[in-house]
């Protein structure tokens, strides 16, 4: 991997961590309540008498661009809202589990729908009885729990698919190792056979040379392609 590719990969991983951090904060707000806008510790109300809440994203684009600038310094500091925005390209490359956490699926509402419903309950609590308030919170909690249960099922299904892919890859790797081992064994045997054949030939050459020496036959040029063996000539001839 080149330095530039490595740098881009690190930036993408950092973008994924920012998105997950934001989702962690928003899921905490779903459980504990979206923070109210406070002045001197007092909740603020709008012209209709409803409570005013801290800023929160209402769409994927809002999630990407959410950097705490619309929130109070106290809330930014308390929840450590990431100050850096995330690009649309990075969001589209985010892991499927992260995308489901935000966008939901056929079995789970998006986090933005849940936040809007949560905000509606919190803003209008001044005009509701305690019983209605608790009933709405119970309904909301059941919806959120059902969504989490469905998400868990989806993650388990995805995990099983990954396990199957790993098993297939491991089988292919083992098959490749077996074939390579067989090829190495064959080559080793071939080399060994060649060494044995060479030794046999060398032994034959040594025997032939010994016989030539015994018979006073000159073999100094025997390895030349055009060599001729000189046999000794009798003086009587």
Protein backbone atom coordinates (compact mmCIF):
# COMPACT_ATOMS: atom_id res chain seq x y z
CA UNK A 1 0.00 0.00 0.00
CA UNK A 2 1.40 3.45 -0.96
CA UNK A 3 1.81 6.26 1.54
CA UNK A 4 -1.03 8.17 -0.09
CA UNK A 5 -3.37 5.16 0.05
CA UNK A 6 -2.39 4.53 3.66
CA UNK A 7 -3.16 8.17 4.52
CA UNK A 8 -6.59 8.00 2.84
CA UNK A 9 -7.39 4.77 4.67
CA UNK A 10 -6.52 6.36 8.04
CA UNK A 11 -8.70 9.38 7.24
CA UNK A 12 -11.61 7.10 6.31
CA UNK A 13 -11.26 5.08 9.52
CA UNK A 14 -11.22 8.32 11.51
CA UNK A 15 -14.41 9.43 9.73
CA UNK A 16 -16.09 6.13 10.66
CA UNK A 17 -15.09 6.65 14.32
CA UNK A 18 -16.60 10.17 14.30
CA UNK A 19 -19.88 8.87 12.92
CA UNK A 20 -20.01 6.07 15.52
CA UNK A 21 -19.22 8.59 18.27
CA UNK A 22 -22.11 10.80 17.16
CA UNK A 23 -24.46 7.81 17.06
CA UNK A 24 -23.31 6.81 20.56
CA UNK A 25 -24.29 10.29 21.80
CA UNK A 26 -27.66 10.24 20.05
CA UNK A 27 -28.51 6.76 21.36
CA UNK A 28 -27.63 7.98 24.85
CA UNK A 29 -30.04 10.87 24.33
CA UNK A 30 -32.73 8.45 23.24
CA UNK A 31 -32.30 6.60 26.54
CA UNK A 32 -31.79 9.52 28.92
CA UNK A 33 -33.51 12.35 27.08
CA UNK A 34 -32.35 15.04 24.68
CA UNK A 35 -30.74 17.85 26.72
CA UNK A 36 -32.89 20.94 27.26
CA UNK A 37 -31.68 24.42 26.38
CA UNK A 38 -30.77 26.02 29.69
CA UNK A 39 -30.14 29.59 30.77
CA UNK A 40 -28.81 29.93 34.29
CA UNK A 41 -29.87 26.32 34.86
CA UNK A 42 -33.48 26.94 33.82
CA UNK A 43 -35.28 25.20 30.92
CA UNK A 44 -36.27 27.53 28.12
CA UNK A 45 -39.70 27.61 26.47
CA UNK A 46 -40.75 28.88 23.06
CA UNK A 47 -43.66 31.16 22.15
CA UNK A 48 -46.05 28.19 22.29
CA UNK A 49 -45.01 27.22 25.78
CA UNK A 50 -43.02 24.18 24.69
CA UNK A 51 -39.58 23.30 26.01
CA UNK A 52 -36.61 24.13 23.74
CA UNK A 53 -34.14 21.28 23.20
CA UNK A 54 -30.50 21.18 22.24
CA UNK A 55 -29.73 20.84 18.55
CA UNK A 56 -29.66 17.28 17.14
CA UNK A 57 -29.41 15.91 13.57
CA UNK A 58 -32.64 15.02 11.78
CA UNK A 59 -31.19 13.30 8.68
CA UNK A 60 -28.05 11.56 7.44
CA UNK A 61 -26.80 14.87 6.06
CA UNK A 62 -27.48 16.48 9.42
CA UNK A 63 -25.53 13.68 11.12
CA UNK A 64 -22.55 14.16 8.80
CA UNK A 65 -22.46 17.93 9.34
CA UNK A 66 -23.32 17.91 13.06
CA UNK A 67 -20.30 19.38 14.86
CA UNK A 68 -21.78 20.95 18.01
CA UNK A 69 -21.79 24.54 16.73
CA UNK A 70 -25.55 24.70 17.29
CA UNK A 71 -25.24 23.35 20.82
CA UNK A 72 -24.26 24.96 24.09
CA UNK A 73 -20.61 24.77 25.15
CA UNK A 74 -21.65 22.76 28.21
CA UNK A 75 -23.32 20.05 26.09
CA UNK A 76 -20.41 19.93 23.63
CA UNK A 77 -17.96 19.50 26.49
CA UNK A 78 -20.07 16.96 28.39
CA UNK A 79 -20.74 14.67 25.43
CA UNK A 80 -17.55 15.39 23.46
CA UNK A 81 -19.41 16.09 20.21
CA UNK A 82 -16.88 15.70 17.34
CA UNK A 83 -16.01 19.09 15.87
CA UNK A 84 -15.05 17.74 12.42
CA UNK A 85 -17.71 17.13 9.80
CA UNK A 86 -17.85 13.96 7.68
CA UNK A 87 -18.03 13.86 3.88
CA UNK A 88 -20.80 12.18 1.93
CA UNK A 89 -18.17 9.91 0.30
CA UNK A 90 -17.01 8.66 3.70
CA UNK A 91 -20.61 8.06 4.80
CA UNK A 92 -21.34 5.95 1.70
CA UNK A 93 -18.27 3.82 2.50
CA UNK A 94 -19.28 3.33 6.16
CA UNK A 95 -19.84 -0.23 7.46
CA UNK A 96 -23.37 -1.61 7.03
CA UNK A 97 -23.82 -1.88 10.82
CA UNK A 98 -23.15 1.85 11.16
CA UNK A 99 -25.58 2.70 8.38
CA UNK A 100 -28.31 0.56 9.96
CA UNK A 101 -27.78 2.31 13.30
CA UNK A 102 -28.57 5.61 11.60
CA UNK A 103 -30.92 4.85 8.72
CA UNK A 104 -32.63 1.78 10.18
CA UNK A 105 -34.13 -0.91 7.94
CA UNK A 106 -37.46 -2.62 7.30
CA UNK A 107 -37.58 -3.80 10.94
CA UNK A 108 -36.04 -0.82 12.71
CA UNK A 109 -36.97 2.90 12.57
CA UNK A 110 -34.19 5.32 11.72
CA UNK A 111 -32.52 7.05 14.64
CA UNK A 112 -33.78 10.35 13.23
CA UNK A 113 -37.43 9.26 13.45
CA UNK A 114 -36.84 8.08 17.02
CA UNK A 115 -35.17 11.37 17.94
CA UNK A 116 -38.02 13.39 16.44
CA UNK A 117 -40.56 11.36 18.40
CA UNK A 118 -38.47 11.68 21.56
CA UNK A 119 -38.22 15.44 21.02
CA UNK A 120 -41.97 15.73 20.51
CA UNK A 121 -42.59 13.99 23.83
CA UNK A 122 -40.08 16.12 25.71
CA UNK A 123 -41.16 19.46 24.23
CA UNK A 124 -44.84 19.00 25.03
CA UNK A 125 -44.47 17.49 28.51
CA UNK A 126 -45.64 20.70 30.11
CA UNK A 127 -49.12 20.16 28.72
CA UNK A 128 -49.37 16.42 29.51
CA UNK A 129 -50.45 14.58 32.59
CA UNK A 130 -47.89 12.35 34.31
CA UNK A 131 -49.80 9.22 33.22
CA UNK A 132 -49.80 10.24 29.55
CA UNK A 133 -46.14 11.10 29.78
CA UNK A 134 -45.25 7.69 31.18
CA UNK A 135 -47.42 5.91 28.61
CA UNK A 136 -45.71 7.71 25.77
CA UNK A 137 -42.28 6.92 27.22
CA UNK A 138 -43.24 3.25 27.56
CA UNK A 139 -44.43 3.09 23.95
CA UNK A 140 -41.28 4.80 22.77
CA UNK A 141 -39.06 2.44 24.77
CA UNK A 142 -40.85 -0.63 23.37
CA UNK A 143 -40.38 0.63 19.83
CA UNK A 144 -36.69 1.28 20.44
CA UNK A 145 -36.16 -2.15 22.05
CA UNK A 146 -37.89 -3.88 19.14
CA UNK A 147 -35.62 -2.05 16.74
CA UNK A 148 -32.53 -3.12 18.68
CA UNK A 149 -33.71 -6.73 18.75
CA UNK A 150 -34.20 -6.72 14.98
CA UNK A 151 -30.76 -5.15 14.53
CA UNK A 152 -29.24 -7.92 16.65
CA UNK A 153 -30.88 -10.54 14.43
CA UNK A 154 -29.51 -8.84 11.31
CA UNK A 155 -26.02 -8.69 12.80
CA UNK A 156 -26.16 -12.38 13.71
CA UNK A 157 -27.20 -13.27 10.15
CA UNK A 158 -24.35 -11.15 8.78
CA UNK A 159 -21.94 -12.80 11.21
CA UNK A 160 -22.98 -16.29 10.05
CA UNK A 161 -22.40 -15.25 6.44
CA UNK A 162 -18.93 -14.01 7.36
CA UNK A 163 -18.17 -17.25 9.20
CA UNK A 164 -19.17 -19.21 6.07
CA UNK A 165 -16.89 -17.05 3.92
CA UNK A 166 -14.02 -17.64 6.35
CA UNK A 167 -14.56 -21.42 6.26
CA UNK A 168 -14.57 -21.40 2.45
CA UNK A 169 -11.38 -19.32 2.38
CA UNK A 170 -9.69 -21.64 4.89
CA UNK A 171 -10.67 -24.71 2.80
CA UNK A 172 -9.26 -23.12 -0.35
CA UNK A 173 -6.06 -22.22 1.48
CA UNK A 174 -5.68 -25.80 2.77
CA UNK A 175 -6.29 -27.19 -0.73
CA UNK A 176 -3.67 -24.84 -2.16
CA UNK A 177 -1.18 -25.91 0.51
CA UNK A 178 -1.86 -29.59 -0.28
CA UNK A 179 -1.31 -29.06 -4.02
CA UNK A 180 1.88 -27.09 -3.34
CA UNK A 181 3.14 -29.83 -1.03
CA UNK A 182 2.51 -32.46 -3.72
CA UNK A 183 4.34 -30.36 -6.31
CA UNK A 184 7.30 -29.87 -3.97
CA UNK A 185 7.44 -33.62 -3.26
CA UNK A 186 7.39 -34.40 -6.99
CA UNK A 187 10.16 -31.90 -7.72
CA UNK A 188 12.25 -33.20 -4.82
CA UNK A 189 11.90 -36.77 -6.13
CA UNK A 190 12.78 -35.62 -9.66
CA UNK A 191 15.89 -33.83 -8.42
CA UNK A 192 16.89 -36.86 -6.34
CA UNK A 193 16.43 -39.16 -9.35
CA UNK A 194 18.52 -36.82 -11.50
CA UNK A 195 21.26 -36.81 -8.88
CA UNK A 196 21.20 -40.63 -8.79
CA UNK A 197 21.31 -40.82 -12.62
CA UNK A 198 24.23 -38.38 -12.69
CA UNK A 199 26.08 -40.44 -10.11
CA UNK A 200 25.53 -43.63 -12.11
CA UNK A 201 26.83 -41.91 -15.27
CA UNK A 202 29.82 -40.57 -13.40
CA UNK A 203 30.60 -44.04 -12.11
CA UNK A 204 30.43 -45.41 -15.66
CA UNK A 205 32.72 -42.63 -16.88
CA UNK A 206 35.20 -43.35 -14.11
CA UNK A 207 35.19 -47.05 -15.02
CA UNK A 208 35.67 -46.24 -18.70
CA UNK A 209 38.57 -43.92 -17.95
CA UNK A 210 40.16 -46.58 -15.79
CA UNK A 211 39.96 -49.11 -18.64
CA UNK A 212 41.41 -46.59 -21.08
CA UNK A 213 44.33 -45.96 -18.75
CA UNK A 214 44.88 -49.68 -18.35
CA UNK A 215 45.10 -50.02 -22.14
CA UNK A 216 47.32 -46.94 -22.59
CA UNK A 217 44.61 -45.17 -24.59
CA UNK A 218 44.78 -41.36 -24.75
CA UNK A 219 41.45 -39.76 -23.67
CA UNK A 220 42.60 -36.19 -23.01
CA UNK A 221 40.43 -34.88 -25.85
CA UNK A 222 37.57 -37.29 -25.34
CA UNK A 223 35.08 -34.56 -24.30
CA UNK A 224 35.55 -32.58 -27.53
CA UNK A 225 32.84 -33.12 -30.15
CA UNK A 226 35.39 -33.68 -32.90
CA UNK A 227 37.84 -35.68 -30.81
CA UNK A 228 39.37 -38.89 -32.07
CA UNK A 229 40.80 -41.46 -29.72
CA UNK A 230 44.40 -42.29 -30.59
CA UNK A 231 45.22 -45.94 -30.18
CA UNK A 232 48.88 -46.91 -29.77
CA UNK A 233 50.54 -48.26 -32.97
CA UNK A 234 52.95 -51.18 -32.86
CA UNK A 235 56.50 -50.53 -34.12
CA UNK A 236 56.22 -53.59 -36.35
CA UNK A 237 53.38 -52.02 -38.36
